[in-house]
């Protein structure tokens, strides 16, 4: 087991996105741009975007801790608001499904 005391990212959030038909490419572009800003300006460890067989997108984002995640929005540059609204416009529904503290991490960078 990886020793968690040395692990930089101890909190994860899992989101779901119901994307409007025909807006998939725009959604992915906006999601990617916003995720890069969170990583660069707010201390996020990055995120992975997945798509399930029904077409729902699921993102898994890593953070150093819950408070860093909760306090991330004001750290973003002004253009983040426009990107966020652009992403929201591509979606029927956006939800935070889980807010998770990491217990054991067996994913190792290659």
PDB file of N, CA and C in Angstrom:
ATOM      1  N   UNK A   1       0.831  -1.196   0.000  1.00  0.00           N
ATOM      2  CA  UNK A   1       0.000   0.000   0.000  1.00  0.00           C
ATOM      3  C   UNK A   1       0.866   1.245   0.000  1.00  0.00           C
ATOM      4  N   UNK A   2       0.419   2.228  -0.729  1.00  0.00           N
ATOM      5  CA  UNK A   2       1.107   3.515  -0.788  1.00  0.00           C
ATOM      6  C   UNK A   2       0.874   4.245   0.527  1.00  0.00           C
ATOM      7  N   UNK A   3       1.900   4.821   1.100  1.00  0.00           N
ATOM      8  CA  UNK A   3       1.767   5.534   2.363  1.00  0.00           C
ATOM      9  C   UNK A   3       1.058   6.866   2.132  1.00  0.00           C
ATOM     10  N   UNK A   4      -0.100   7.028   2.721  1.00  0.00           N
ATOM     11  CA  UNK A   4      -0.898   8.222   2.470  1.00  0.00           C
ATOM     12  C   UNK A   4      -0.284   9.485   3.042  1.00  0.00           C
ATOM     13  N   UNK A   5       0.580   9.371   4.036  1.00  0.00           N
ATOM     14  CA  UNK A   5       1.179  10.581   4.593  1.00  0.00           C
ATOM     15  C   UNK A   5       2.057  11.294   3.560  1.00  0.00           C
ATOM     16  N   UNK A   6       2.494  10.579   2.532  1.00  0.00           N
ATOM     17  CA  UNK A   6       3.303  11.172   1.475  1.00  0.00           C
ATOM     18  C   UNK A   6       2.486  11.504   0.230  1.00  0.00           C
ATOM     19  N   UNK A   7       1.201  11.267   0.284  1.00  0.00           N
ATOM     20  CA  UNK A   7       0.345  11.445  -0.877  1.00  0.00           C
ATOM     21  C   UNK A   7      -0.094  12.896  -0.957  1.00  0.00           C
ATOM     22  N   UNK A   8       0.111  13.536  -2.097  1.00  0.00           N
ATOM     23  CA  UNK A   8      -0.190  14.956  -2.255  1.00  0.00           C
ATOM     24  C   UNK A   8      -1.684  15.232  -2.402  1.00  0.00           C
ATOM     25  N   UNK A   9      -2.456  14.279  -2.875  1.00  0.00           N
ATOM     26  CA  UNK A   9      -3.873  14.496  -3.120  1.00  0.00           C
ATOM     27  C   UNK A   9      -4.701  13.537  -2.280  1.00  0.00           C
ATOM     28  N   UNK A  10      -5.373  14.097  -1.278  1.00  0.00           N
ATOM     29  CA  UNK A  10      -6.103  13.280  -0.310  1.00  0.00           C
ATOM     30  C   UNK A  10      -7.621  13.360  -0.462  1.00  0.00           C
ATOM     31  N   UNK A  11      -8.101  14.168  -1.399  1.00  0.00           N
ATOM     32  CA  UNK A  11      -9.540  14.360  -1.567  1.00  0.00           C
ATOM     33  C   UNK A  11      -9.879  14.267  -3.050  1.00  0.00           C
ATOM     34  N   UNK A  12     -11.006  13.647  -3.335  1.00  0.00           N
ATOM     35  CA  UNK A  12     -11.473  13.537  -4.719  1.00  0.00           C
ATOM     36  C   UNK A  12     -12.948  13.889  -4.791  1.00  0.00           C
ATOM     37  N   UNK A  13     -13.342  14.436  -5.913  1.00  0.00           N
ATOM     38  CA  UNK A  13     -14.753  14.713  -6.180  1.00  0.00           C
ATOM     39  C   UNK A  13     -15.111  14.032  -7.497  1.00  0.00           C
ATOM     40  N   UNK A  14     -16.308  13.454  -7.529  1.00  0.00           N
ATOM     41  CA  UNK A  14     -16.784  12.792  -8.741  1.00  0.00           C
ATOM     42  C   UNK A  14     -18.041  13.517  -9.213  1.00  0.00           C
ATOM     43  N   UNK A  15     -17.998  13.930 -10.474  1.00  0.00           N
ATOM     44  CA  UNK A  15     -19.077  14.711 -11.075  1.00  0.00           C
ATOM     45  C   UNK A  15     -19.697  13.946 -12.240  1.00  0.00           C
ATOM     46  N   UNK A  16     -20.967  14.228 -12.514  1.00  0.00           N
ATOM     47  CA  UNK A  16     -21.609  13.696 -13.712  1.00  0.00           C
ATOM     48  C   UNK A  16     -22.148  14.857 -14.539  1.00  0.00           C
ATOM     49  N   UNK A  17     -22.143  14.660 -15.850  1.00  0.00           N
ATOM     50  CA  UNK A  17     -22.593  15.673 -16.792  1.00  0.00           C
ATOM     51  C   UNK A  17     -23.497  15.014 -17.830  1.00  0.00           C
ATOM     52  N   UNK A  18     -24.728  15.484 -17.915  1.00  0.00           N
ATOM     53  CA  UNK A  18     -25.632  15.089 -18.986  1.00  0.00           C
ATOM     54  C   UNK A  18     -25.492  16.149 -20.061  1.00  0.00           C
ATOM     55  N   UNK A  19     -24.892  15.785 -21.174  1.00  0.00           N
ATOM     56  CA  UNK A  19     -24.572  16.747 -22.230  1.00  0.00           C
ATOM     57  C   UNK A  19     -25.669  16.733 -23.296  1.00  0.00           C
ATOM     58  N   UNK A  20     -26.040  17.926 -23.742  1.00  0.00           N
ATOM     59  CA  UNK A  20     -27.047  18.060 -24.791  1.00  0.00           C
ATOM     60  C   UNK A  20     -26.545  17.403 -26.075  1.00  0.00           C
ATOM     61  N   UNK A  21     -27.446  16.756 -26.774  1.00  0.00           N
ATOM     62  CA  UNK A  21     -27.105  16.114 -28.042  1.00  0.00           C
ATOM     63  C   UNK A  21     -26.511  17.145 -29.001  1.00  0.00           C
ATOM     64  N   UNK A  22     -25.404  16.777 -29.603  1.00  0.00           N
ATOM     65  CA  UNK A  22     -24.724  17.654 -30.545  1.00  0.00           C
ATOM     66  C   UNK A  22     -23.754  18.628 -29.892  1.00  0.00           C
ATOM     67  N   UNK A  23     -23.694  18.648 -28.565  1.00  0.00           N
ATOM     68  CA  UNK A  23     -22.823  19.573 -27.846  1.00  0.00           C
ATOM     69  C   UNK A  23     -21.601  18.883 -27.228  1.00  0.00           C
ATOM     70  N   UNK A  24     -21.397  17.624 -27.544  1.00  0.00           N
ATOM     71  CA  UNK A  24     -20.328  16.847 -26.919  1.00  0.00           C
ATOM     72  C   UNK A  24     -18.948  17.475 -27.131  1.00  0.00           C
ATOM     73  N   UNK A  25     -18.644  17.870 -28.343  1.00  0.00           N
ATOM     74  CA  UNK A  25     -17.331  18.446 -28.639  1.00  0.00           C
ATOM     75  C   UNK A  25     -17.125  19.768 -27.886  1.00  0.00           C
ATOM     76  N   UNK A  26     -18.158  20.602 -27.863  1.00  0.00           N
ATOM     77  CA  UNK A  26     -18.074  21.872 -27.134  1.00  0.00           C
ATOM     78  C   UNK A  26     -17.922  21.640 -25.637  1.00  0.00           C
ATOM     79  N   UNK A  27     -18.650  20.645 -25.118  1.00  0.00           N
ATOM     80  CA  UNK A  27     -18.538  20.316 -23.696  1.00  0.00           C
ATOM     81  C   UNK A  27     -17.111  19.886 -23.350  1.00  0.00           C
ATOM     82  N   UNK A  28     -16.565  18.966 -24.110  1.00  0.00           N
ATOM     83  CA  UNK A  28     -15.215  18.453 -23.827  1.00  0.00           C
ATOM     84  C   UNK A  28     -14.188  19.587 -23.890  1.00  0.00           C
ATOM     85  N   UNK A  29     -14.323  20.471 -24.853  1.00  0.00           N
ATOM     86  CA  UNK A  29     -13.384  21.596 -24.971  1.00  0.00           C
ATOM     87  C   UNK A  29     -13.497  22.522 -23.762  1.00  0.00           C
ATOM     88  N   UNK A  30     -14.713  22.858 -23.357  1.00  0.00           N
ATOM     89  CA  UNK A  30     -14.895  23.750 -22.202  1.00  0.00           C
ATOM     90  C   UNK A  30     -14.456  23.071 -20.913  1.00  0.00           C
ATOM     91  N   UNK A  31     -14.833  21.797 -20.731  1.00  0.00           N
ATOM     92  CA  UNK A  31     -14.426  21.050 -19.534  1.00  0.00           C
ATOM     93  C   UNK A  31     -12.900  21.015 -19.442  1.00  0.00           C
ATOM     94  N   UNK A  32     -12.238  20.742 -20.548  1.00  0.00           N
ATOM     95  CA  UNK A  32     -10.773  20.662 -20.565  1.00  0.00           C
ATOM     96  C   UNK A  32     -10.139  22.002 -20.193  1.00  0.00           C
ATOM     97  N   UNK A  33     -10.653  23.075 -20.773  1.00  0.00           N
ATOM     98  CA  UNK A  33     -10.109  24.407 -20.489  1.00  0.00           C
ATOM     99  C   UNK A  33     -10.295  24.771 -19.020  1.00  0.00           C
ATOM    100  N   UNK A  34     -11.475  24.491 -18.475  1.00  0.00           N
ATOM    101  CA  UNK A  34     -11.739  24.818 -17.074  1.00  0.00           C
ATOM    102  C   UNK A  34     -10.889  23.962 -16.139  1.00  0.00           C
ATOM    103  N   UNK A  35     -10.749  22.699 -16.459  1.00  0.00           N
ATOM    104  CA  UNK A  35      -9.935  21.796 -15.641  1.00  0.00           C
ATOM    105  C   UNK A  35      -8.478  22.259 -15.613  1.00  0.00           C
ATOM    106  N   UNK A  36      -7.961  22.702 -16.740  1.00  0.00           N
ATOM    107  CA  UNK A  36      -6.584  23.205 -16.790  1.00  0.00           C
ATOM    108  C   UNK A  36      -6.414  24.434 -15.903  1.00  0.00           C
ATOM    109  N   UNK A  37      -7.425  25.299 -15.863  1.00  0.00           N
ATOM    110  CA  UNK A  37      -7.355  26.483 -14.987  1.00  0.00           C
ATOM    111  C   UNK A  37      -7.367  26.087 -13.513  1.00  0.00           C
ATOM    112  N   UNK A  38      -8.203  25.110 -13.145  1.00  0.00           N
ATOM    113  CA  UNK A  38      -8.215  24.637 -11.761  1.00  0.00           C
ATOM    114  C   UNK A  38      -6.850  24.072 -11.379  1.00  0.00           C
ATOM    115  N   UNK A  39      -6.227  23.361 -12.292  1.00  0.00           N
ATOM    116  CA  UNK A  39      -4.915  22.778 -12.010  1.00  0.00           C
ATOM    117  C   UNK A  39      -3.847  23.874 -11.879  1.00  0.00           C
ATOM    118  N   UNK A  40      -3.860  24.832 -12.784  1.00  0.00           N
ATOM    119  CA  UNK A  40      -2.838  25.876 -12.797  1.00  0.00           C
ATOM    120  C   UNK A  40      -2.990  26.888 -11.664  1.00  0.00           C
ATOM    121  N   UNK A  41      -4.227  27.293 -11.371  1.00  0.00           N
ATOM    122  CA  UNK A  41      -4.434  28.398 -10.435  1.00  0.00           C
ATOM    123  C   UNK A  41      -4.954  27.998  -9.050  1.00  0.00           C
ATOM    124  N   UNK A  42      -5.598  26.840  -8.943  1.00  0.00           N
ATOM    125  CA  UNK A  42      -6.277  26.516  -7.690  1.00  0.00           C
ATOM    126  C   UNK A  42      -5.712  25.296  -6.968  1.00  0.00           C
ATOM    127  N   UNK A  43      -4.672  24.684  -7.502  1.00  0.00           N
ATOM    128  CA  UNK A  43      -4.037  23.577  -6.800  1.00  0.00           C
ATOM    129  C   UNK A  43      -4.635  22.208  -7.026  1.00  0.00           C
ATOM    130  N   UNK A  44      -5.510  22.074  -7.997  1.00  0.00           N
ATOM    131  CA  UNK A  44      -6.078  20.763  -8.309  1.00  0.00           C
ATOM    132  C   UNK A  44      -4.982  19.826  -8.819  1.00  0.00           C
ATOM    133  N   UNK A  45      -5.156  18.553  -8.573  1.00  0.00           N
ATOM    134  CA  UNK A  45      -4.242  17.556  -9.101  1.00  0.00           C
ATOM    135  C   UNK A  45      -4.632  17.104 -10.498  1.00  0.00           C
ATOM    136  N   UNK A  46      -5.640  17.753 -11.046  1.00  0.00           N
ATOM    137  CA  UNK A  46      -6.114  17.377 -12.368  1.00  0.00           C
ATOM    138  C   UNK A  46      -7.362  16.515 -12.282  1.00  0.00           C
ATOM    139  N   UNK A  47      -7.833  16.099 -13.427  1.00  0.00           N
ATOM    140  CA  UNK A  47      -9.075  15.343 -13.502  1.00  0.00           C
ATOM    141  C   UNK A  47      -9.047  14.426 -14.703  1.00  0.00           C
ATOM    142  N   UNK A  48      -9.872  13.421 -14.653  1.00  0.00           N
ATOM    143  CA  UNK A  48     -10.065  12.524 -15.793  1.00  0.00           C
ATOM    144  C   UNK A  48     -11.526  12.584 -16.173  1.00  0.00           C
ATOM    145  N   UNK A  49     -11.787  12.623 -17.463  1.00  0.00           N
ATOM    146  CA  UNK A  49     -13.165  12.635 -17.964  1.00  0.00           C
ATOM    147  C   UNK A  49     -13.437  11.302 -18.644  1.00  0.00           C
ATOM    148  N   UNK A  50     -14.550  10.700 -18.256  1.00  0.00           N
ATOM    149  CA  UNK A  50     -14.965   9.408 -18.812  1.00  0.00           C
ATOM    150  C   UNK A  50     -16.362   9.562 -19.406  1.00  0.00           C
ATOM    151  N   UNK A  51     -16.742   8.597 -20.203  1.00  0.00           N
ATOM    152  CA  UNK A  51     -18.112   8.560 -20.738  1.00  0.00           C
ATOM    153  C   UNK A  51     -18.643   7.153 -20.571  1.00  0.00           C
ATOM    154  N   UNK A  52     -19.825   7.032 -19.951  1.00  0.00           N
ATOM    155  CA  UNK A  52     -20.398   5.701 -19.763  1.00  0.00           C
ATOM    156  C   UNK A  52     -21.226   5.313 -20.999  1.00  0.00           C
ATOM    157  N   UNK A  53     -21.646   4.048 -21.091  1.00  0.00           N
ATOM    158  CA  UNK A  53     -22.370   3.588 -22.285  1.00  0.00           C
ATOM    159  C   UNK A  53     -23.660   4.361 -22.581  1.00  0.00           C
ATOM    160  N   UNK A  54     -24.261   4.972 -21.567  1.00  0.00           N
ATOM    161  CA  UNK A  54     -25.504   5.726 -21.801  1.00  0.00           C
ATOM    162  C   UNK A  54     -25.231   7.125 -22.352  1.00  0.00           C
ATOM    163  N   UNK A  55     -23.957   7.536 -22.378  1.00  0.00           N
ATOM    164  CA  UNK A  55     -23.598   8.857 -22.873  1.00  0.00           C
ATOM    165  C   UNK A  55     -23.335   9.871 -21.782  1.00  0.00           C
ATOM    166  N   UNK A  56     -23.533   9.499 -20.529  1.00  0.00           N
ATOM    167  CA  UNK A  56     -23.248  10.400 -19.415  1.00  0.00           C
ATOM    168  C   UNK A  56     -21.743  10.514 -19.240  1.00  0.00           C
ATOM    169  N   UNK A  57     -21.279  11.739 -19.072  1.00  0.00           N
ATOM    170  CA  UNK A  57     -19.866  11.975 -18.803  1.00  0.00           C
ATOM    171  C   UNK A  57     -19.653  11.971 -17.293  1.00  0.00           C
ATOM    172  N   UNK A  58     -18.542  11.388 -16.865  1.00  0.00           N
ATOM    173  CA  UNK A  58     -18.186  11.307 -15.450  1.00  0.00           C
ATOM    174  C   UNK A  58     -16.749  11.801 -15.311  1.00  0.00           C
ATOM    175  N   UNK A  59     -16.542  12.733 -14.378  1.00  0.00           N
ATOM    176  CA  UNK A  59     -15.198  13.266 -14.140  1.00  0.00           C
ATOM    177  C   UNK A  59     -14.783  12.960 -12.707  1.00  0.00           C
ATOM    178  N   UNK A  60     -13.518  12.648 -12.565  1.00  0.00           N
ATOM    179  CA  UNK A  60     -12.901  12.352 -11.280  1.00  0.00           C
ATOM    180  C   UNK A  60     -11.788  13.372 -11.092  1.00  0.00           C
ATOM    181  N   UNK A  61     -11.926  14.246 -10.081  1.00  0.00           N
ATOM    182  CA  UNK A  61     -10.937  15.297  -9.844  1.00  0.00           C
ATOM    183  C   UNK A  61     -10.236  15.075  -8.512  1.00  0.00           C
ATOM    184  N   UNK A  62      -8.935  15.319  -8.490  1.00  0.00           N
ATOM    185  CA  UNK A  62      -8.141  15.148  -7.275  1.00  0.00           C
ATOM    186  C   UNK A  62      -7.736  16.505  -6.708  1.00  0.00           C
ATOM    187  N   UNK A  63      -7.727  16.573  -5.378  1.00  0.00           N
ATOM    188  CA  UNK A  63      -7.377  17.795  -4.655  1.00  0.00           C
ATOM    189  C   UNK A  63      -6.517  17.449  -3.449  1.00  0.00           C
ATOM    190  N   UNK A  64      -5.688  18.385  -3.001  1.00  0.00           N
ATOM    191  CA  UNK A  64      -4.881  18.113  -1.804  1.00  0.00           C
ATOM    192  C   UNK A  64      -5.756  17.800  -0.587  1.00  0.00           C
ATOM    193  N   UNK A  65      -6.882  18.520  -0.458  1.00  0.00           N
ATOM    194  CA  UNK A  65      -7.795  18.295   0.664  1.00  0.00           C
ATOM    195  C   UNK A  65      -9.124  18.968   0.353  1.00  0.00           C
ATOM    196  N   UNK A  66     -10.112  18.709   1.177  1.00  0.00           N
ATOM    197  CA  UNK A  66     -11.451  19.250   0.965  1.00  0.00           C
ATOM    198  C   UNK A  66     -11.463  20.784   0.976  1.00  0.00           C
ATOM    199  N   UNK A  67     -10.743  21.396   1.898  1.00  0.00           N
ATOM    200  CA  UNK A  67     -10.779  22.858   1.998  1.00  0.00           C
ATOM    201  C   UNK A  67     -10.207  23.513   0.740  1.00  0.00           C
ATOM    202  N   UNK A  68      -9.175  22.928   0.159  1.00  0.00           N
ATOM    203  CA  UNK A  68      -8.613  23.468  -1.081  1.00  0.00           C
ATOM    204  C   UNK A  68      -9.653  23.407  -2.197  1.00  0.00           C
ATOM    205  N   UNK A  69     -10.393  22.315  -2.259  1.00  0.00           N
ATOM    206  CA  UNK A  69     -11.464  22.147  -3.250  1.00  0.00           C
ATOM    207  C   UNK A  69     -12.568  23.181  -3.027  1.00  0.00           C
ATOM    208  N   UNK A  70     -13.001  23.317  -1.769  1.00  0.00           N
ATOM    209  CA  UNK A  70     -14.084  24.239  -1.438  1.00  0.00           C
ATOM    210  C   UNK A  70     -13.714  25.699  -1.711  1.00  0.00           C
ATOM    211  N   UNK A  71     -12.447  26.036  -1.589  1.00  0.00           N
ATOM    212  CA  UNK A  71     -11.987  27.420  -1.740  1.00  0.00           C
ATOM    213  C   UNK A  71     -11.361  27.699  -3.105  1.00  0.00           C
ATOM    214  N   UNK A  72     -11.588  26.840  -4.073  1.00  0.00           N
ATOM    215  CA  UNK A  72     -10.894  26.934  -5.357  1.00  0.00           C
ATOM    216  C   UNK A  72     -11.433  28.015  -6.297  1.00  0.00           C
ATOM    217  N   UNK A  73     -12.726  28.268  -6.294  1.00  0.00           N
ATOM    218  CA  UNK A  73     -13.316  29.187  -7.280  1.00  0.00           C
ATOM    219  C   UNK A  73     -12.699  30.585  -7.271  1.00  0.00           C
ATOM    220  N   UNK A  74     -12.515  31.238  -6.116  1.00  0.00           N
ATOM    221  CA  UNK A  74     -11.955  32.597  -6.133  1.00  0.00           C
ATOM    222  C   UNK A  74     -10.506  32.664  -6.632  1.00  0.00           C
ATOM    223  N   UNK A  75      -9.842  31.542  -6.695  1.00  0.00           N
ATOM    224  CA  UNK A  75      -8.448  31.513  -7.138  1.00  0.00           C
ATOM    225  C   UNK A  75      -8.317  31.535  -8.660  1.00  0.00           C
ATOM    226  N   UNK A  76      -9.429  31.295  -9.360  1.00  0.00           N
ATOM    227  CA  UNK A  76      -9.386  31.207 -10.820  1.00  0.00           C
ATOM    228  C   UNK A  76      -9.325  32.585 -11.454  1.00  0.00           C
ATOM    229  N   UNK A  77      -8.688  32.697 -12.623  1.00  0.00           N
ATOM    230  CA  UNK A  77      -8.662  33.984 -13.334  1.00  0.00           C
ATOM    231  C   UNK A  77     -10.059  34.322 -13.864  1.00  0.00           C
ATOM    232  N   UNK A  78     -10.249  35.555 -14.251  1.00  0.00           N
ATOM    233  CA  UNK A  78     -11.571  36.035 -14.662  1.00  0.00           C
ATOM    234  C   UNK A  78     -12.165  35.256 -15.837  1.00  0.00           C
ATOM    235  N   UNK A  79     -11.335  34.778 -16.755  1.00  0.00           N
ATOM    236  CA  UNK A  79     -11.883  34.060 -17.915  1.00  0.00           C
ATOM    237  C   UNK A  79     -12.540  32.734 -17.543  1.00  0.00           C
ATOM    238  N   UNK A  80     -12.292  32.231 -16.345  1.00  0.00           N
ATOM    239  CA  UNK A  80     -12.896  30.970 -15.912  1.00  0.00           C
ATOM    240  C   UNK A  80     -14.414  31.060 -15.859  1.00  0.00           C
ATOM    241  N   UNK A  81     -14.964  32.216 -15.475  1.00  0.00           N
ATOM    242  CA  UNK A  81     -16.418  32.362 -15.382  1.00  0.00           C
ATOM    243  C   UNK A  81     -17.075  32.163 -16.749  1.00  0.00           C
ATOM    244  N   UNK A  82     -16.479  32.722 -17.792  1.00  0.00           N
ATOM    245  CA  UNK A  82     -17.025  32.568 -19.142  1.00  0.00           C
ATOM    246  C   UNK A  82     -16.928  31.116 -19.612  1.00  0.00           C
ATOM    247  N   UNK A  83     -15.807  30.473 -19.323  1.00  0.00           N
ATOM    248  CA  UNK A  83     -15.632  29.070 -19.713  1.00  0.00           C
ATOM    249  C   UNK A  83     -16.631  28.187 -18.967  1.00  0.00           C
ATOM    250  N   UNK A  84     -16.812  28.473 -17.679  1.00  0.00           N
ATOM    251  CA  UNK A  84     -17.753  27.696 -16.867  1.00  0.00           C
ATOM    252  C   UNK A  84     -19.175  27.844 -17.418  1.00  0.00           C
ATOM    253  N   UNK A  85     -19.574  29.058 -17.763  1.00  0.00           N
ATOM    254  CA  UNK A  85     -20.908  29.281 -18.329  1.00  0.00           C
ATOM    255  C   UNK A  85     -21.050  28.595 -19.678  1.00  0.00           C
ATOM    256  N   UNK A  86     -19.994  28.599 -20.461  1.00  0.00           N
ATOM    257  CA  UNK A  86     -19.999  27.914 -21.760  1.00  0.00           C
ATOM    258  C   UNK A  86     -20.204  26.418 -21.555  1.00  0.00           C
ATOM    259  N   UNK A  87     -19.514  25.852 -20.566  1.00  0.00           N
ATOM    260  CA  UNK A  87     -19.660  24.429 -20.274  1.00  0.00           C
ATOM    261  C   UNK A  87     -21.079  24.132 -19.794  1.00  0.00           C
ATOM    262  N   UNK A  88     -21.593  24.952 -18.886  1.00  0.00           N
ATOM    263  CA  UNK A  88     -22.957  24.757 -18.372  1.00  0.00           C
ATOM    264  C   UNK A  88     -23.983  24.806 -19.501  1.00  0.00           C
ATOM    265  N   UNK A  89     -23.763  25.656 -20.494  1.00  0.00           N
ATOM    266  CA  UNK A  89     -24.699  25.793 -21.611  1.00  0.00           C
ATOM    267  C   UNK A  89     -24.767  24.530 -22.465  1.00  0.00           C
ATOM    268  N   UNK A  90     -23.748  23.687 -22.410  1.00  0.00           N
ATOM    269  CA  UNK A  90     -23.750  22.443 -23.185  1.00  0.00           C
ATOM    270  C   UNK A  90     -24.448  21.308 -22.452  1.00  0.00           C
ATOM    271  N   UNK A  91     -24.811  21.533 -21.189  1.00  0.00           N
ATOM    272  CA  UNK A  91     -25.320  20.452 -20.341  1.00  0.00           C
ATOM    273  C   UNK A  91     -26.792  20.599 -19.992  1.00  0.00           C
ATOM    274  N   UNK A  92     -27.456  19.458 -19.869  1.00  0.00           N
ATOM    275  CA  UNK A  92     -28.812  19.406 -19.329  1.00  0.00           C
ATOM    276  C   UNK A  92     -28.755  19.351 -17.810  1.00  0.00           C
ATOM    277  N   UNK A  93     -27.713  18.693 -17.291  1.00  0.00           N
ATOM    278  CA  UNK A  93     -27.592  18.502 -15.851  1.00  0.00           C
ATOM    279  C   UNK A  93     -26.129  18.294 -15.487  1.00  0.00           C
ATOM    280  N   UNK A  94     -25.717  18.912 -14.372  1.00  0.00           N
ATOM    281  CA  UNK A  94     -24.379  18.726 -13.818  1.00  0.00           C
ATOM    282  C   UNK A  94     -24.550  18.399 -12.340  1.00  0.00           C
ATOM    283  N   UNK A  95     -23.877  17.365 -11.879  1.00  0.00           N
ATOM    284  CA  UNK A  95     -24.013  17.009 -10.467  1.00  0.00           C
ATOM    285  C   UNK A  95     -22.701  16.589  -9.844  1.00  0.00           C
ATOM    286  N   UNK A  96     -22.534  16.937  -8.582  1.00  0.00           N
ATOM    287  CA  UNK A  96     -21.423  16.399  -7.787  1.00  0.00           C
ATOM    288  C   UNK A  96     -21.982  15.166  -7.095  1.00  0.00           C
ATOM    289  N   UNK A  97     -21.524  14.003  -7.510  1.00  0.00           N
ATOM    290  CA  UNK A  97     -22.077  12.754  -7.005  1.00  0.00           C
ATOM    291  C   UNK A  97     -21.419  12.290  -5.711  1.00  0.00           C
ATOM    292  N   UNK A  98     -20.108  12.523  -5.611  1.00  0.00           N
ATOM    293  CA  UNK A  98     -19.379  12.065  -4.431  1.00  0.00           C
ATOM    294  C   UNK A  98     -18.298  13.063  -4.054  1.00  0.00           C
ATOM    295  N   UNK A  99     -18.093  13.248  -2.768  1.00  0.00           N
ATOM    296  CA  UNK A  99     -16.984  14.008  -2.193  1.00  0.00           C
ATOM    297  C   UNK A  99     -16.246  13.001  -1.316  1.00  0.00           C
ATOM    298  N   UNK A 100     -15.030  12.635  -1.709  1.00  0.00           N
ATOM    299  CA  UNK A 100     -14.371  11.460  -1.140  1.00  0.00           C
ATOM    300  C   UNK A 100     -13.009  11.753  -0.527  1.00  0.00           C
ATOM    301  N   UNK A 101     -12.783  11.236   0.664  1.00  0.00           N
ATOM    302  CA  UNK A 101     -11.454  11.245   1.268  1.00  0.00           C
ATOM    303  C   UNK A 101     -10.768   9.944   0.875  1.00  0.00           C
ATOM    304  N   UNK A 102      -9.530  10.031   0.406  1.00  0.00           N
ATOM    305  CA  UNK A 102      -8.801   8.844  -0.031  1.00  0.00           C
ATOM    306  C   UNK A 102      -8.348   8.035   1.179  1.00  0.00           C
ATOM    307  N   UNK A 103      -8.591   6.745   1.136  1.00  0.00           N
ATOM    308  CA  UNK A 103      -8.187   5.833   2.208  1.00  0.00           C
ATOM    309  C   UNK A 103      -6.937   5.065   1.791  1.00  0.00           C
ATOM    310  N   UNK A 104      -6.966   4.486   0.597  1.00  0.00           N
ATOM    311  CA  UNK A 104      -5.836   3.734   0.052  1.00  0.00           C
ATOM    312  C   UNK A 104      -5.710   4.112  -1.415  1.00  0.00           C
ATOM    313  N   UNK A 105      -4.484   4.342  -1.866  1.00  0.00           N
ATOM    314  CA  UNK A 105      -4.237   4.688  -3.267  1.00  0.00           C
ATOM    315  C   UNK A 105      -3.324   3.652  -3.884  1.00  0.00           C
ATOM    316  N   UNK A 106      -3.856   2.896  -4.830  1.00  0.00           N
ATOM    317  CA  UNK A 106      -3.042   1.892  -5.528  1.00  0.00           C
ATOM    318  C   UNK A 106      -2.810   2.262  -6.980  1.00  0.00           C
ATOM    319  N   UNK A 107      -3.162   3.485  -7.365  1.00  0.00           N
ATOM    320  CA  UNK A 107      -2.856   3.973  -8.716  1.00  0.00           C
ATOM    321  C   UNK A 107      -1.499   4.655  -8.639  1.00  0.00           C
ATOM    322  N   UNK A 108      -0.562   4.132  -9.358  1.00  0.00           N
ATOM    323  CA  UNK A 108       0.788   4.679  -9.369  1.00  0.00           C
ATOM    324  C   UNK A 108       1.071   5.297 -10.728  1.00  0.00           C
ATOM    325  N   UNK A 109       1.688   6.479 -10.745  1.00  0.00           N
ATOM    326  CA  UNK A 109       2.061   7.049 -12.045  1.00  0.00           C
ATOM    327  C   UNK A 109       3.044   6.145 -12.775  1.00  0.00           C
ATOM    328  N   UNK A 110       2.925   6.112 -14.091  1.00  0.00           N
ATOM    329  CA  UNK A 110       3.827   5.241 -14.859  1.00  0.00           C
ATOM    330  C   UNK A 110       5.121   5.922 -15.191  1.00  0.00           C
TER     331      UNK A 110
END
